[in-house]
């Protein structure tokens, strides 16, 4: 008995990395808006002096650093999750096929 094994693809592989790019654009826009707010607050507080102002600026810098870090992490995780999702989708688009067969030989009459 012979066996023939192959993969049948229902659909061609899909490139889904554009989904990650869409999310990354939104993250970048969020970061840009945060930086604009940060710049506005800094320019308003620049003329003022005092312990309270110094503490506000310190906290603002900490929050900005944390926000940048979160955005970077989210972009990286989003990219890798997209790769895993793409792999899963492309794996579901194929089916392993096993064909079992017997070879029947026709006997010649002599």
C-alpha atoms as a PDB file:
ATOM      1  CA  UNK A   1       0.000   0.000   0.000  1.00  0.00           C
ATOM      2  CA  UNK A   2       1.351   3.402  -0.943  1.00  0.00           C
ATOM      3  CA  UNK A   3       0.877   6.713   0.773  1.00  0.00           C
ATOM      4  CA  UNK A   4       0.948  10.155  -0.803  1.00  0.00           C
ATOM      5  CA  UNK A   5       1.073  13.126   1.578  1.00  0.00           C
ATOM      6  CA  UNK A   6       0.780  16.785   0.641  1.00  0.00           C
ATOM      7  CA  UNK A   7      -0.550  20.103   1.902  1.00  0.00           C
ATOM      8  CA  UNK A   8      -3.521  21.748   0.249  1.00  0.00           C
ATOM      9  CA  UNK A   9      -3.759  25.513   0.594  1.00  0.00           C
ATOM     10  CA  UNK A  10      -7.289  26.887   0.612  1.00  0.00           C
ATOM     11  CA  UNK A  11      -6.003  30.451   0.397  1.00  0.00           C
ATOM     12  CA  UNK A  12      -2.591  31.942  -0.202  1.00  0.00           C
ATOM     13  CA  UNK A  13      -0.581  33.226   2.756  1.00  0.00           C
ATOM     14  CA  UNK A  14      -1.702  36.604   3.989  1.00  0.00           C
ATOM     15  CA  UNK A  15       0.568  39.415   5.078  1.00  0.00           C
ATOM     16  CA  UNK A  16      -1.133  40.990   8.090  1.00  0.00           C
ATOM     17  CA  UNK A  17       1.665  43.294   9.243  1.00  0.00           C
ATOM     18  CA  UNK A  18      -0.286  46.288   7.933  1.00  0.00           C
ATOM     19  CA  UNK A  19      -2.572  45.811  10.950  1.00  0.00           C
ATOM     20  CA  UNK A  20       0.402  46.404  13.222  1.00  0.00           C
ATOM     21  CA  UNK A  21       1.314  49.510  11.231  1.00  0.00           C
ATOM     22  CA  UNK A  22      -2.187  50.932  11.708  1.00  0.00           C
ATOM     23  CA  UNK A  23      -1.941  50.515  15.475  1.00  0.00           C
ATOM     24  CA  UNK A  24       1.582  51.923  15.536  1.00  0.00           C
ATOM     25  CA  UNK A  25       0.363  55.048  13.732  1.00  0.00           C
ATOM     26  CA  UNK A  26      -2.264  55.542  16.426  1.00  0.00           C
ATOM     27  CA  UNK A  27       0.349  55.067  19.139  1.00  0.00           C
ATOM     28  CA  UNK A  28       2.602  57.625  17.437  1.00  0.00           C
ATOM     29  CA  UNK A  29      -0.274  60.097  17.213  1.00  0.00           C
ATOM     30  CA  UNK A  30      -0.980  59.574  20.915  1.00  0.00           C
ATOM     31  CA  UNK A  31       2.676  60.158  21.740  1.00  0.00           C
ATOM     32  CA  UNK A  32       2.774  63.326  19.615  1.00  0.00           C
ATOM     33  CA  UNK A  33      -0.296  64.701  21.392  1.00  0.00           C
ATOM     34  CA  UNK A  34       1.275  63.890  24.744  1.00  0.00           C
ATOM     35  CA  UNK A  35       4.464  65.701  23.760  1.00  0.00           C
ATOM     36  CA  UNK A  36       2.467  68.749  22.598  1.00  0.00           C
ATOM     37  CA  UNK A  37       0.696  68.852  25.961  1.00  0.00           C
ATOM     38  CA  UNK A  38       4.022  68.432  27.713  1.00  0.00           C
ATOM     39  CA  UNK A  39       5.537  71.327  25.736  1.00  0.00           C
ATOM     40  CA  UNK A  40       2.539  73.553  26.481  1.00  0.00           C
ATOM     41  CA  UNK A  41       2.757  72.882  30.208  1.00  0.00           C
ATOM     42  CA  UNK A  42       6.519  73.449  30.211  1.00  0.00           C
ATOM     43  CA  UNK A  43       6.179  76.767  28.383  1.00  0.00           C
ATOM     44  CA  UNK A  44       3.492  77.944  30.838  1.00  0.00           C
ATOM     45  CA  UNK A  45       5.533  76.980  33.877  1.00  0.00           C
ATOM     46  CA  UNK A  46       8.862  78.233  32.547  1.00  0.00           C
ATOM     47  CA  UNK A  47       8.233  81.777  33.789  1.00  0.00           C
ATOM     48  CA  UNK A  48       7.366  80.599  37.298  1.00  0.00           C
ATOM     49  CA  UNK A  49       9.729  79.556  40.087  1.00  0.00           C
ATOM     50  CA  UNK A  50       9.341  77.712  43.349  1.00  0.00           C
ATOM     51  CA  UNK A  51       9.308  74.293  44.971  1.00  0.00           C
ATOM     52  CA  UNK A  52       5.812  73.484  43.757  1.00  0.00           C
ATOM     53  CA  UNK A  53       6.711  74.337  40.152  1.00  0.00           C
ATOM     54  CA  UNK A  54       9.910  72.268  40.393  1.00  0.00           C
ATOM     55  CA  UNK A  55       7.915  69.305  41.735  1.00  0.00           C
ATOM     56  CA  UNK A  56       5.330  69.638  38.949  1.00  0.00           C
ATOM     57  CA  UNK A  57       8.066  69.692  36.294  1.00  0.00           C
ATOM     58  CA  UNK A  58       9.765  66.685  37.882  1.00  0.00           C
ATOM     59  CA  UNK A  59       6.508  64.693  37.908  1.00  0.00           C
ATOM     60  CA  UNK A  60       5.806  65.767  34.333  1.00  0.00           C
ATOM     61  CA  UNK A  61       9.188  64.454  33.199  1.00  0.00           C
ATOM     62  CA  UNK A  62       8.581  61.156  35.005  1.00  0.00           C
ATOM     63  CA  UNK A  63       5.140  60.777  33.419  1.00  0.00           C
ATOM     64  CA  UNK A  64       6.524  61.607  29.973  1.00  0.00           C
ATOM     65  CA  UNK A  65       9.305  59.048  30.329  1.00  0.00           C
ATOM     66  CA  UNK A  66       6.808  56.397  31.458  1.00  0.00           C
ATOM     67  CA  UNK A  67       4.404  57.261  28.634  1.00  0.00           C
ATOM     68  CA  UNK A  68       7.171  56.915  26.025  1.00  0.00           C
ATOM     69  CA  UNK A  69       8.162  53.570  27.519  1.00  0.00           C
ATOM     70  CA  UNK A  70       4.570  52.291  27.456  1.00  0.00           C
ATOM     71  CA  UNK A  71       4.107  53.377  23.839  1.00  0.00           C
ATOM     72  CA  UNK A  72       7.341  51.641  22.812  1.00  0.00           C
ATOM     73  CA  UNK A  73       6.319  48.445  24.627  1.00  0.00           C
ATOM     74  CA  UNK A  74       2.834  48.521  23.105  1.00  0.00           C
ATOM     75  CA  UNK A  75       4.256  48.934  19.596  1.00  0.00           C
ATOM     76  CA  UNK A  76       6.697  46.057  20.087  1.00  0.00           C
ATOM     77  CA  UNK A  77       4.069  43.736  21.570  1.00  0.00           C
ATOM     78  CA  UNK A  78       1.601  44.667  18.856  1.00  0.00           C
ATOM     79  CA  UNK A  79       4.145  43.790  16.176  1.00  0.00           C
ATOM     80  CA  UNK A  80       4.895  40.370  17.670  1.00  0.00           C
ATOM     81  CA  UNK A  81       1.217  39.615  18.305  1.00  0.00           C
ATOM     82  CA  UNK A  82       0.522  40.418  14.667  1.00  0.00           C
ATOM     83  CA  UNK A  83       3.206  37.945  13.598  1.00  0.00           C
ATOM     84  CA  UNK A  84       1.674  35.218  15.801  1.00  0.00           C
ATOM     85  CA  UNK A  85      -1.829  36.034  14.516  1.00  0.00           C
ATOM     86  CA  UNK A  86      -0.579  35.920  10.922  1.00  0.00           C
ATOM     87  CA  UNK A  87       1.018  32.513  11.551  1.00  0.00           C
ATOM     88  CA  UNK A  88      -2.226  31.142  13.050  1.00  0.00           C
ATOM     89  CA  UNK A  89      -4.341  32.426  10.158  1.00  0.00           C
ATOM     90  CA  UNK A  90      -1.958  31.042   7.563  1.00  0.00           C
ATOM     91  CA  UNK A  91      -1.853  27.665   9.331  1.00  0.00           C
ATOM     92  CA  UNK A  92      -5.663  27.461   9.277  1.00  0.00           C
ATOM     93  CA  UNK A  93      -5.607  28.072   5.528  1.00  0.00           C
ATOM     94  CA  UNK A  94      -3.966  24.752   4.806  1.00  0.00           C
ATOM     95  CA  UNK A  95      -4.964  21.141   5.201  1.00  0.00           C
ATOM     96  CA  UNK A  96      -2.722  18.104   5.308  1.00  0.00           C
ATOM     97  CA  UNK A  97      -3.886  15.438   2.872  1.00  0.00           C
ATOM     98  CA  UNK A  98      -2.929  11.772   3.055  1.00  0.00           C
ATOM     99  CA  UNK A  99      -3.918   9.530   0.168  1.00  0.00           C
ATOM    100  CA  UNK A 100      -3.596   5.808   0.632  1.00  0.00           C
ATOM    101  CA  UNK A 101      -3.569   3.672  -2.485  1.00  0.00           C
ATOM    102  CA  UNK A 102      -2.933   0.167  -3.669  1.00  0.00           C
ATOM    103  CA  UNK A 103      -1.153  -0.651  -6.852  1.00  0.00           C
ATOM    104  CA  UNK A 104      -3.037  -3.213  -8.897  1.00  0.00           C
ATOM    105  CA  UNK A 105      -1.049  -4.797 -11.647  1.00  0.00           C
ATOM    106  CA  UNK A 106      -2.756  -6.234 -14.656  1.00  0.00           C
ATOM    107  CA  UNK A 107      -1.454  -9.673 -15.415  1.00  0.00           C
ATOM    108  CA  UNK A 108      -0.592 -10.451 -19.007  1.00  0.00           C
ATOM    109  CA  UNK A 109      -1.816 -13.674 -20.481  1.00  0.00           C
ATOM    110  CA  UNK A 110       1.019 -15.597 -22.072  1.00  0.00           C
END
